[in-house]
């Protein structure tokens, strides 16, 4: 080979091979903004059921994100506080402490009293000192926002929701901007744990933007005609109040245009609070320059209206379908805003829910499934019989619990009841009992039989919550535990990952993408290895 030919080859190599090839390249900096979205009561099957209707936010996340369609919570008491805290801490409720939305505790005299999960008497509501305080006092584990601030002290954390128990559970004890909608006041509030006043950007939003969002008094359906068959028929007698079960929903008929309290409550049961949360989120990104500085930031958005609408009308109702269509569009607009503000490669997003829901028992029966609504009287009878059996068993707490459990199982709608002492010492008898262990806290007992030291499982399809209309959650069954789990991040290949995963895995996975160290004793793990790093 001639010297000239060798020179040409060498020149081509220098031109075509990137500088530094053969040496390990320093990794690109991770995105500077984590967007953590929890849609309250978004059952795991609904994004697939309604995928043809979605055109914006949900459609984009399904297309761009890594989806884990076999994701569940692994605790028995499926409700808002445990779900959000599990998502934010990477631990099960028996470890993070928020085992329910409320629980019972014993006082010094041995009497049981109810405690709200986010009650924090050292954190009064800013500007409204007569209201009971709200804060993270009962949360026993650190959150992903706290991990970020430990790694980079300049990180900013924002958590927004229509519910206090969602916004606070997502933020924990981070130095954070945390705001939730106080329905009676028609405004966002915070607790003194986080701030002593309201910043100008929040007050300006409350004055100039919120009234326009909050002005609607009619809720009409936006579901396309061709998509209406995807939901139940619009009119179903066990929805709402049993009378106003169809579109359009009017405040003039279902509440009062003159009574502001009733009007605010009616608005709070429709799609509008989620609009307000997403609009306030845009203000937060701009005012705090989230994702636009050297330090990584977190904005947690706990979107609550799928839960409130689901409770009133059910997960397969026309109202829930309309709400999700609306949320798809407003979430899509927010993602477009992020693209414009921080760039499409500047943000990472995790999406999940805090629990699922059971279809209305009467609708289950129409489908040929077992469905039974348990009345408050039936529930009270079981508690009373359990109490009598415990008293007759003597003073030993284990024997009292066993006696109460045996008596509870006499009800034909209770499939299993057991003493937690036996579960924890002998191990679970089945996989569902194992879920109850993740909801057990010795000092924080869950109704209806926790104060006896007893866990109870209903027959699948029996529901003992709302009566006589609506539906809910709170069971260990798949429809209550199965939730979406999507990670959208630069460098993470989109598509469906069919592994069986748990929601405890989401926070450590997101932290790993941001290269944020996590506590070494989490229940969850990073699912993506080196993807997106």
Protein backbone atom coordinates (compact mmCIF):
# COMPACT_ATOMS: atom_id res chain seq x y z
CA UNK A 1 0.00 0.00 0.00
CA UNK A 2 1.40 3.40 -0.99
CA UNK A 3 2.07 6.14 1.52
CA UNK A 4 -0.59 8.29 -0.23
CA UNK A 5 -3.24 5.53 0.10
CA UNK A 6 -2.39 5.07 3.77
CA UNK A 7 -2.73 8.80 4.35
CA UNK A 8 -6.19 8.80 2.74
CA UNK A 9 -7.35 5.90 4.93
CA UNK A 10 -6.02 7.65 8.04
CA UNK A 11 -7.83 10.85 7.08
CA UNK A 12 -11.11 8.95 6.64
CA UNK A 13 -10.67 7.36 10.03
CA UNK A 14 -10.10 10.74 11.66
CA UNK A 15 -13.17 12.21 9.93
CA UNK A 16 -15.59 9.32 10.41
CA UNK A 17 -14.70 8.18 13.92
CA UNK A 18 -15.96 10.49 16.69
CA UNK A 19 -13.37 12.20 18.81
CA UNK A 20 -12.52 10.12 21.82
CA UNK A 21 -13.69 6.84 20.24
CA UNK A 22 -12.07 3.96 22.07
CA UNK A 23 -12.29 5.86 25.35
CA UNK A 24 -15.29 5.70 27.70
CA UNK A 25 -17.36 8.81 27.07
CA UNK A 26 -18.64 10.78 30.04
CA UNK A 27 -22.41 10.22 30.32
CA UNK A 28 -24.71 13.02 29.29
CA UNK A 29 -26.23 14.97 32.12
CA UNK A 30 -29.61 13.57 33.20
CA UNK A 31 -32.76 15.65 32.70
CA UNK A 32 -33.30 18.43 35.20
CA UNK A 33 -37.01 17.94 35.90
CA UNK A 34 -38.86 14.95 37.30
CA UNK A 35 -42.62 15.06 36.79
CA UNK A 36 -44.32 12.51 39.04
CA UNK A 37 -48.01 12.02 38.20
CA UNK A 38 -50.37 9.96 40.34
CA UNK A 39 -53.93 9.75 39.03
CA UNK A 40 -56.18 8.85 41.94
CA UNK A 41 -58.25 5.69 41.30
CA UNK A 42 -56.99 5.20 37.74
CA UNK A 43 -57.59 1.47 37.52
CA UNK A 44 -54.95 -0.45 35.61
CA UNK A 45 -57.20 -1.55 32.75
CA UNK A 46 -58.68 1.84 31.89
CA UNK A 47 -55.85 3.22 29.74
CA UNK A 48 -56.13 0.14 27.54
CA UNK A 49 -59.93 0.11 27.55
CA UNK A 50 -60.13 3.73 26.37
CA UNK A 51 -56.92 3.95 24.34
CA UNK A 52 -58.75 4.70 21.06
CA UNK A 53 -60.32 7.80 22.61
CA UNK A 54 -57.09 9.32 23.90
CA UNK A 55 -55.33 11.74 21.59
CA UNK A 56 -53.02 13.80 23.83
CA UNK A 57 -51.37 13.17 27.22
CA UNK A 58 -52.22 9.52 27.83
CA UNK A 59 -51.71 8.73 24.14
CA UNK A 60 -48.28 10.37 24.18
CA UNK A 61 -47.14 8.64 27.34
CA UNK A 62 -48.28 5.28 26.03
CA UNK A 63 -46.36 5.90 22.81
CA UNK A 64 -43.19 7.39 24.33
CA UNK A 65 -43.03 5.59 27.66
CA UNK A 66 -41.97 2.21 28.97
CA UNK A 67 -45.21 0.65 30.14
CA UNK A 68 -45.48 -2.05 32.80
CA UNK A 69 -49.01 -3.42 32.35
CA UNK A 70 -48.59 -6.00 35.15
CA UNK A 71 -47.97 -3.49 37.95
CA UNK A 72 -49.76 -3.71 41.28
CA UNK A 73 -49.65 -2.46 44.82
CA UNK A 74 -48.70 -5.19 47.25
CA UNK A 75 -50.72 -4.15 50.27
CA UNK A 76 -54.28 -4.97 51.28
CA UNK A 77 -55.66 -1.60 52.39
CA UNK A 78 -55.81 0.18 49.04
CA UNK A 79 -56.59 3.85 49.53
CA UNK A 80 -55.22 7.32 48.86
CA UNK A 81 -52.71 7.89 51.67
CA UNK A 82 -51.05 4.46 51.49
CA UNK A 83 -50.92 4.59 47.69
CA UNK A 84 -49.30 8.00 47.38
CA UNK A 85 -46.85 7.33 50.20
CA UNK A 86 -45.85 4.00 48.66
CA UNK A 87 -45.27 5.72 45.31
CA UNK A 88 -43.11 8.43 46.88
CA UNK A 89 -41.08 6.34 49.36
CA UNK A 90 -40.51 3.02 47.59
CA UNK A 91 -41.73 1.17 50.69
CA UNK A 92 -44.87 -0.67 51.75
CA UNK A 93 -47.35 0.93 54.19
CA UNK A 94 -46.28 -1.09 57.23
CA UNK A 95 -42.92 0.65 56.86
CA UNK A 96 -43.85 4.18 55.74
CA UNK A 97 -46.63 4.36 58.33
CA UNK A 98 -49.58 5.69 56.32
CA UNK A 99 -51.51 2.44 56.46
CA UNK A 100 -54.86 4.08 55.67
CA UNK A 101 -56.55 7.41 55.13
CA UNK A 102 -57.31 7.12 58.83
CA UNK A 103 -56.83 4.54 61.52
CA UNK A 104 -57.53 4.01 65.21
CA UNK A 105 -54.98 4.44 67.98
CA UNK A 106 -55.15 3.77 71.71
CA UNK A 107 -54.82 6.63 74.16
CA UNK A 108 -53.11 6.37 77.54
CA UNK A 109 -56.31 4.98 79.06
CA UNK A 110 -56.64 2.26 76.45
CA UNK A 111 -59.48 3.85 74.51
CA UNK A 112 -59.44 3.65 70.71
CA UNK A 113 -59.81 6.87 68.76
CA UNK A 114 -59.71 7.76 65.07
CA UNK A 115 -56.68 9.56 63.63
CA UNK A 116 -56.51 11.16 60.17
CA UNK A 117 -53.37 10.09 58.34
CA UNK A 118 -52.08 13.61 57.57
CA UNK A 119 -53.15 15.25 60.81
CA UNK A 120 -50.26 17.34 62.07
CA UNK A 121 -51.12 19.68 64.92
CA UNK A 122 -47.67 21.30 64.65
CA UNK A 123 -48.45 22.36 61.08
CA UNK A 124 -51.54 24.62 61.12
CA UNK A 125 -53.12 25.68 57.84
CA UNK A 126 -51.42 28.92 56.81
CA UNK A 127 -53.86 31.81 57.08
CA UNK A 128 -56.57 29.64 58.65
CA UNK A 129 -55.42 28.78 62.18
CA UNK A 130 -58.82 27.46 63.27
CA UNK A 131 -58.54 24.54 60.85
CA UNK A 132 -56.86 21.32 61.99
CA UNK A 133 -53.23 21.18 60.94
CA UNK A 134 -51.97 19.08 58.06
CA UNK A 135 -48.43 17.87 57.51
CA UNK A 136 -46.07 14.87 57.25
CA UNK A 137 -45.78 14.07 60.97
CA UNK A 138 -47.13 10.51 60.53
CA UNK A 139 -44.99 9.63 57.50
CA UNK A 140 -42.11 7.49 58.73
CA UNK A 141 -40.00 7.23 55.57
CA UNK A 142 -38.23 9.70 53.30
CA UNK A 143 -39.61 10.52 49.85
CA UNK A 144 -37.99 10.83 46.45
CA UNK A 145 -38.05 14.62 46.84
CA UNK A 146 -36.02 14.28 50.02
CA UNK A 147 -33.55 11.98 48.26
CA UNK A 148 -33.10 14.59 45.53
CA UNK A 149 -32.49 17.38 48.03
CA UNK A 150 -30.02 15.25 49.99
CA UNK A 151 -28.07 14.62 46.78
CA UNK A 152 -28.33 18.21 45.52
CA UNK A 153 -29.34 20.75 48.18
CA UNK A 154 -30.47 23.22 45.51
CA UNK A 155 -33.18 20.90 44.21
CA UNK A 156 -36.68 22.35 44.36
CA UNK A 157 -39.70 20.22 45.20
CA UNK A 158 -43.31 21.11 44.42
CA UNK A 159 -46.33 18.94 45.20
CA UNK A 160 -49.85 19.86 44.11
CA UNK A 161 -53.21 18.17 44.47
CA UNK A 162 -56.88 18.66 45.19
CA UNK A 163 -56.32 16.47 48.30
CA UNK A 164 -54.09 17.18 51.28
CA UNK A 165 -53.37 13.49 51.85
CA UNK A 166 -52.05 13.21 48.29
CA UNK A 167 -49.95 16.39 48.10
CA UNK A 168 -48.35 15.88 51.51
CA UNK A 169 -47.69 12.16 51.05
CA UNK A 170 -45.84 12.88 47.80
CA UNK A 171 -43.65 15.60 49.32
CA UNK A 172 -43.02 14.21 52.79
CA UNK A 173 -40.57 16.26 54.81
CA UNK A 174 -38.82 17.81 51.84
CA UNK A 175 -38.26 21.55 51.85
CA UNK A 176 -41.11 21.98 49.44
CA UNK A 177 -43.89 24.07 48.00
CA UNK A 178 -46.96 21.96 48.82
CA UNK A 179 -50.49 23.11 48.02
CA UNK A 180 -53.86 21.42 47.99
CA UNK A 181 -57.37 22.60 47.23
CA UNK A 182 -59.49 23.38 50.28
CA UNK A 183 -62.96 22.88 48.88
CA UNK A 184 -64.83 24.93 51.47
CA UNK A 185 -62.54 27.90 50.81
CA UNK A 186 -62.34 27.53 47.01
CA UNK A 187 -58.59 28.03 47.14
CA UNK A 188 -55.25 26.28 47.51
CA UNK A 189 -53.76 26.13 50.99
CA UNK A 190 -50.64 24.79 52.65
CA UNK A 191 -49.42 23.81 56.09
CA UNK A 192 -46.93 25.65 58.30
CA UNK A 193 -44.51 22.73 58.00
CA UNK A 194 -43.83 23.93 54.45
CA UNK A 195 -44.36 27.71 54.50
CA UNK A 196 -45.39 30.56 56.75
CA UNK A 197 -47.11 32.50 53.95
CA UNK A 198 -48.29 32.22 50.36
CA UNK A 199 -45.87 33.35 47.64
CA UNK A 200 -46.92 35.96 45.11
CA UNK A 201 -47.18 33.47 42.25
CA UNK A 202 -49.71 31.38 44.19
CA UNK A 203 -51.76 34.38 45.31
CA UNK A 204 -51.78 35.82 41.79
CA UNK A 205 -53.03 32.47 40.47
CA UNK A 206 -55.77 32.33 43.11
CA UNK A 207 -56.90 35.84 42.23
CA UNK A 208 -56.59 35.88 38.44
CA UNK A 209 -56.78 32.31 37.15
CA UNK A 210 -58.66 30.10 39.59
CA UNK A 211 -62.00 31.96 39.44
CA UNK A 212 -62.23 31.30 35.72
CA UNK A 213 -61.61 27.57 36.20
CA UNK A 214 -64.01 27.46 39.12
CA UNK A 215 -66.85 29.30 37.35
CA UNK A 216 -68.54 26.39 35.55
CA UNK A 217 -71.91 25.27 36.85
CA UNK A 218 -72.70 22.74 34.11
CA UNK A 219 -70.81 19.54 33.35
CA UNK A 220 -71.45 18.26 29.83
CA UNK A 221 -70.10 15.14 28.18
CA UNK A 222 -67.24 15.45 25.71
CA UNK A 223 -67.20 11.74 24.85
CA UNK A 224 -67.48 11.26 21.07
CA UNK A 225 -70.63 9.49 19.93
CA UNK A 226 -68.65 6.60 18.49
CA UNK A 227 -66.90 6.00 21.85
CA UNK A 228 -69.93 5.97 24.12
CA UNK A 229 -70.30 2.20 23.96
CA UNK A 230 -66.92 1.84 25.71
CA UNK A 231 -68.56 2.88 28.98
CA UNK A 232 -71.71 1.76 30.71
CA UNK A 233 -74.90 3.51 29.56
CA UNK A 234 -75.11 7.06 30.84
CA UNK A 235 -78.04 6.36 33.13
CA UNK A 236 -77.56 3.77 35.86
CA UNK A 237 -79.72 3.83 39.00
CA UNK A 238 -76.94 3.23 41.54
CA UNK A 239 -74.76 6.16 40.47
CA UNK A 240 -74.46 9.53 42.17
CA UNK A 241 -77.47 10.26 44.35
CA UNK A 242 -79.61 7.72 42.51
CA UNK A 243 -81.45 10.49 40.65
CA UNK A 244 -78.94 12.69 38.83
CA UNK A 245 -77.19 9.86 37.02
CA UNK A 246 -76.81 11.32 33.52
CA UNK A 247 -75.35 14.19 31.50
CA UNK A 248 -75.54 17.12 31.60
CA UNK A 249 -74.93 17.54 35.31
CA UNK A 250 -76.12 20.93 36.49
CA UNK A 251 -75.30 22.65 39.75
CA UNK A 252 -78.72 24.28 39.67
CA UNK A 253 -80.31 20.82 39.85
CA UNK A 254 -77.77 18.89 41.92
CA UNK A 255 -76.56 21.56 44.36
CA UNK A 256 -77.45 25.24 44.66
CA UNK A 257 -76.35 28.35 42.81
CA UNK A 258 -77.03 30.44 45.90
CA UNK A 259 -75.31 28.32 48.58
CA UNK A 260 -71.57 28.72 47.99
CA UNK A 261 -70.71 25.76 50.20
CA UNK A 262 -72.95 23.38 48.26
CA UNK A 263 -71.82 24.86 44.97
CA UNK A 264 -68.14 24.38 45.84
CA UNK A 265 -68.78 20.80 46.87
CA UNK A 266 -70.52 20.13 43.55
CA UNK A 267 -67.61 21.62 41.61
CA UNK A 268 -65.23 19.54 43.66
CA UNK A 269 -66.93 16.36 42.42
CA UNK A 270 -66.40 17.21 38.74
CA UNK A 271 -63.33 17.57 36.50
CA UNK A 272 -62.39 21.14 37.45
CA UNK A 273 -59.96 20.63 40.37
CA UNK A 274 -57.58 18.72 38.11
CA UNK A 275 -57.65 21.64 35.67
CA UNK A 276 -56.70 23.90 38.56
CA UNK A 277 -53.83 21.64 39.66
CA UNK A 278 -52.35 21.48 36.15
CA UNK A 279 -52.75 25.23 35.66
CA UNK A 280 -51.04 25.90 38.99
CA UNK A 281 -48.29 23.49 37.95
CA UNK A 282 -47.51 25.64 34.93
CA UNK A 283 -47.23 28.68 37.18
CA UNK A 284 -44.88 26.75 39.48
CA UNK A 285 -42.60 25.73 36.61
CA UNK A 286 -42.34 29.34 35.45
CA UNK A 287 -42.10 31.04 38.83
CA UNK A 288 -39.57 28.61 40.31
CA UNK A 289 -37.72 27.91 37.05
CA UNK A 290 -38.20 24.18 37.56
CA UNK A 291 -35.98 22.14 35.28
CA UNK A 292 -34.24 25.28 34.07
CA UNK A 293 -31.36 25.47 36.54
CA UNK A 294 -28.31 23.38 37.41
CA UNK A 295 -30.03 21.40 40.17
CA UNK A 296 -32.66 18.75 39.34
CA UNK A 297 -36.21 19.56 40.45
CA UNK A 298 -39.36 17.58 41.20
CA UNK A 299 -42.98 18.48 40.56
CA UNK A 300 -45.49 15.95 41.89
CA UNK A 301 -49.01 16.15 40.51
CA UNK A 302 -51.60 14.11 42.39
CA UNK A 303 -54.71 14.35 40.20
CA UNK A 304 -57.74 13.52 42.30
CA UNK A 305 -60.89 13.72 40.21
CA UNK A 306 -60.88 10.20 38.79
CA UNK A 307 -61.29 9.09 42.40
CA UNK A 308 -64.12 11.43 43.26
CA UNK A 309 -65.96 10.73 40.02
CA UNK A 310 -65.25 7.02 40.34
CA UNK A 311 -66.69 6.94 43.84
CA UNK A 312 -69.89 8.60 42.67
CA UNK A 313 -70.40 6.88 39.32
CA UNK A 314 -68.02 3.90 39.07
CA UNK A 315 -64.89 3.17 37.01
CA UNK A 316 -66.83 2.18 33.87
CA UNK A 317 -69.34 5.03 33.97
CA UNK A 318 -69.85 7.56 31.20
CA UNK A 319 -68.81 10.24 33.72
CA UNK A 320 -65.46 8.55 34.33
CA UNK A 321 -64.85 8.14 30.62
CA UNK A 322 -65.57 11.83 30.06
CA UNK A 323 -63.29 12.79 32.93
CA UNK A 324 -60.42 10.74 31.48
CA UNK A 325 -60.96 12.22 28.02
CA UNK A 326 -60.72 15.68 29.56
CA UNK A 327 -57.68 14.72 31.64
CA UNK A 328 -55.98 13.29 28.55
CA UNK A 329 -56.31 16.68 26.83
CA UNK A 330 -55.26 18.82 29.78
CA UNK A 331 -52.33 16.54 30.61
CA UNK A 332 -51.29 16.68 26.96
CA UNK A 333 -51.33 20.47 27.06
CA UNK A 334 -49.12 20.38 30.16
CA UNK A 335 -46.61 18.08 28.45
CA UNK A 336 -46.52 20.43 25.44
CA UNK A 337 -45.85 23.25 27.87
CA UNK A 338 -42.92 21.30 29.33
CA UNK A 339 -41.52 20.77 25.84
CA UNK A 340 -41.60 24.50 25.23
CA UNK A 341 -40.23 25.44 28.65
CA UNK A 342 -37.56 22.86 29.49
CA UNK A 343 -37.33 20.96 26.19
CA UNK A 344 -38.57 17.45 25.34
CA UNK A 345 -35.31 15.93 26.62
CA UNK A 346 -35.35 18.04 29.76
CA UNK A 347 -37.94 16.11 31.70
CA UNK A 348 -38.59 12.62 33.02
CA UNK A 349 -42.11 11.49 33.88
CA UNK A 350 -43.44 8.68 36.03
CA UNK A 351 -47.16 7.88 35.93
CA UNK A 352 -49.09 5.62 38.25
CA UNK A 353 -52.21 5.59 40.44
CA UNK A 354 -52.77 5.17 44.16
CA UNK A 355 -55.29 2.31 43.86
CA UNK A 356 -58.01 0.98 41.58
CA UNK A 357 -61.72 0.47 42.22
CA UNK A 358 -64.48 -2.10 42.19
CA UNK A 359 -67.27 -1.67 39.69
CA UNK A 360 -70.64 -0.88 41.25
CA UNK A 361 -71.87 -4.15 42.80
CA UNK A 362 -75.16 -3.89 40.90
CA UNK A 363 -73.27 -3.40 37.61
CA UNK A 364 -71.15 -6.46 38.41
CA UNK A 365 -74.32 -8.44 38.90
CA UNK A 366 -75.58 -7.26 35.50
CA UNK A 367 -72.38 -8.68 33.98
CA UNK A 368 -72.96 -12.05 35.62
CA UNK A 369 -70.29 -11.45 38.29
CA UNK A 370 -70.77 -11.68 42.02
CA UNK A 371 -71.73 -8.28 43.35
CA UNK A 372 -73.13 -7.43 46.74
CA UNK A 373 -73.41 -4.13 48.58
CA UNK A 374 -72.96 -4.52 52.34
CA UNK A 375 -75.11 -2.18 54.40
CA UNK A 376 -73.80 -0.26 57.41
CA UNK A 377 -76.14 -2.32 59.58
CA UNK A 378 -74.58 -5.58 58.39
CA UNK A 379 -71.11 -4.23 59.04
CA UNK A 380 -72.07 -3.03 62.50
CA UNK A 381 -73.50 -6.43 63.35
CA UNK A 382 -70.21 -8.14 62.48
CA UNK A 383 -68.26 -5.69 64.65
CA UNK A 384 -70.65 -6.15 67.57
CA UNK A 385 -70.50 -9.94 67.36
CA UNK A 386 -66.71 -9.82 67.18
CA UNK A 387 -66.59 -7.60 70.24
CA UNK A 388 -68.84 -9.97 72.20
CA UNK A 389 -66.72 -12.96 71.21
CA UNK A 390 -63.53 -11.16 72.23
CA UNK A 391 -64.99 -10.29 75.63
CA UNK A 392 -66.04 -13.89 76.20
CA UNK A 393 -62.55 -15.13 75.35
CA UNK A 394 -61.00 -13.47 78.40
CA UNK A 395 -58.05 -11.13 78.75
CA UNK A 396 -55.39 -12.73 76.56
CA UNK A 397 -55.14 -10.48 73.46
CA UNK A 398 -54.25 -13.33 71.09
CA UNK A 399 -57.18 -15.48 72.17
CA UNK A 400 -59.46 -12.46 71.96
CA UNK A 401 -58.31 -11.82 68.40
CA UNK A 402 -58.79 -15.45 67.39
CA UNK A 403 -62.28 -15.50 68.84
CA UNK A 404 -63.22 -12.27 67.08
CA UNK A 405 -61.87 -13.66 63.79
CA UNK A 406 -63.85 -16.90 64.08
CA UNK A 407 -67.03 -14.97 64.75
CA UNK A 408 -66.45 -12.56 61.87
CA UNK A 409 -66.29 -15.46 59.44
CA UNK A 410 -69.87 -16.39 60.28
CA UNK A 411 -70.95 -13.57 57.94
CA UNK A 412 -71.53 -14.99 54.48
CA UNK A 413 -69.79 -12.01 52.86
CA UNK A 414 -66.52 -12.47 54.78
CA UNK A 415 -64.26 -15.09 53.19
CA UNK A 416 -61.33 -14.99 55.60
CA UNK A 417 -60.55 -13.51 59.00
CA UNK A 418 -57.42 -14.08 61.05
CA UNK A 419 -55.44 -12.84 64.02
CA UNK A 420 -52.51 -10.71 62.93
CA UNK A 421 -50.46 -12.37 65.69
CA UNK A 422 -50.77 -15.68 63.87
CA UNK A 423 -50.10 -14.12 60.47
CA UNK A 424 -46.90 -12.45 61.65
CA UNK A 425 -45.62 -15.40 63.68
CA UNK A 426 -46.69 -18.36 61.54
CA UNK A 427 -46.54 -16.71 58.14
CA UNK A 428 -49.37 -16.03 55.72
CA UNK A 429 -51.71 -18.84 54.75
CA UNK A 430 -51.95 -17.49 51.20
CA UNK A 431 -50.74 -14.64 49.01
CA UNK A 432 -53.60 -12.35 50.00
CA UNK A 433 -52.78 -12.69 53.69
CA UNK A 434 -49.26 -11.58 52.77
CA UNK A 435 -50.75 -8.35 51.45
CA UNK A 436 -52.40 -7.77 54.83
CA UNK A 437 -49.01 -8.01 56.51
CA UNK A 438 -47.90 -4.99 54.46
CA UNK A 439 -50.85 -3.01 55.84
CA UNK A 440 -50.34 -3.96 59.50
CA UNK A 441 -49.03 -1.42 62.01
CA UNK A 442 -49.13 -2.30 65.69
CA UNK A 443 -50.00 1.22 66.87
CA UNK A 444 -52.14 2.20 63.86
CA UNK A 445 -55.00 -0.28 63.48
CA UNK A 446 -57.30 -0.31 60.48
CA UNK A 447 -61.09 -0.62 60.67
CA UNK A 448 -63.31 -2.48 60.90
CA UNK A 449 -61.64 -5.17 63.06
CA UNK A 450 -58.06 -3.97 63.43
CA UNK A 451 -58.54 -2.85 67.01
CA UNK A 452 -59.19 -6.51 67.87
CA UNK A 453 -55.93 -7.44 66.13
CA UNK A 454 -57.93 -9.02 63.31
CA UNK A 455 -57.73 -8.75 59.54
CA UNK A 456 -60.73 -9.64 57.41
CA UNK A 457 -61.22 -10.22 53.70
CA UNK A 458 -64.60 -9.99 52.04
CA UNK A 459 -65.81 -12.30 49.33
CA UNK A 460 -64.57 -10.89 46.01
CA UNK A 461 -67.30 -8.63 44.66
CA UNK A 462 -68.73 -7.71 48.05
CA UNK A 463 -68.36 -4.02 48.85
CA UNK A 464 -68.92 -2.48 52.28
CA UNK A 465 -68.10 1.17 51.61
CA UNK A 466 -70.60 3.61 50.13
CA UNK A 467 -74.27 2.89 50.61
CA UNK A 468 -76.71 2.78 48.86
CA UNK A 469 -75.05 4.38 45.78
CA UNK A 470 -71.59 4.67 44.31
CA UNK A 471 -68.55 2.48 44.87
CA UNK A 472 -64.96 2.55 46.07
CA UNK A 473 -61.86 0.54 46.92
CA UNK A 474 -59.91 -0.71 49.91
CA UNK A 475 -59.68 -4.43 49.22
CA UNK A 476 -56.70 -6.67 48.33
CA UNK A 477 -58.30 -7.82 45.09
CA UNK A 478 -56.74 -7.22 41.69
CA UNK A 479 -59.22 -4.54 40.61
CA UNK A 480 -58.13 -2.46 43.61
CA UNK A 481 -54.36 -3.12 43.33
CA UNK A 482 -53.78 -3.11 39.55
CA UNK A 483 -52.62 0.35 38.38
CA UNK A 484 -50.75 1.94 35.46
CA UNK A 485 -46.98 2.21 35.65
CA UNK A 486 -45.27 4.24 32.92
CA UNK A 487 -41.77 5.76 32.75
CA UNK A 488 -41.07 8.32 30.03
CA UNK A 489 -37.47 9.50 29.87
CA UNK A 490 -34.83 10.32 27.24
CA UNK A 491 -32.89 7.16 26.47
CA UNK A 492 -35.55 4.80 27.84
CA UNK A 493 -36.91 2.65 25.04
CA UNK A 494 -40.71 2.81 24.82
CA UNK A 495 -42.92 -0.26 24.72
CA UNK A 496 -44.61 -2.79 26.96
CA UNK A 497 -42.53 -4.58 29.60
CA UNK A 498 -44.54 -7.58 30.79
CA UNK A 499 -42.59 -8.22 33.96
CA UNK A 500 -44.57 -8.44 37.18
CA UNK A 501 -43.62 -5.24 39.06
CA UNK A 502 -44.76 -3.34 42.12
CA UNK A 503 -45.41 0.36 42.60
CA UNK A 504 -42.61 0.37 45.21
CA UNK A 505 -40.29 0.05 42.19
CA UNK A 506 -41.28 3.35 40.59
CA UNK A 507 -39.52 5.84 42.91
CA UNK A 508 -36.14 4.02 42.85
CA UNK A 509 -36.41 3.64 39.07
CA UNK A 510 -37.01 7.36 38.59
CA UNK A 511 -34.25 8.22 41.06
CA UNK A 512 -31.79 6.03 39.15
CA UNK A 513 -32.57 7.83 35.88
CA UNK A 514 -31.73 11.11 37.65
CA UNK A 515 -28.66 9.48 39.26
CA UNK A 516 -29.98 10.22 42.71
CA UNK A 517 -28.84 7.85 45.48
CA UNK A 518 -31.63 6.07 47.35
CA UNK A 519 -31.82 4.52 50.81
CA UNK A 520 -30.34 1.03 50.84
CA UNK A 521 -33.34 -0.60 52.53
CA UNK A 522 -36.17 0.15 50.10
CA UNK A 523 -38.75 -2.47 49.21
CA UNK A 524 -38.55 -1.42 45.54
CA UNK A 525 -35.75 -1.70 42.98
CA UNK A 526 -34.58 0.09 39.85
CA UNK A 527 -36.24 -1.67 36.92
CA UNK A 528 -34.28 -0.14 34.06
CA UNK A 529 -30.62 -0.81 34.80
CA UNK A 530 -28.52 1.65 32.78
CA UNK A 531 -31.28 2.85 30.45
CA UNK A 532 -31.64 6.60 30.35
CA UNK A 533 -28.46 7.17 32.36
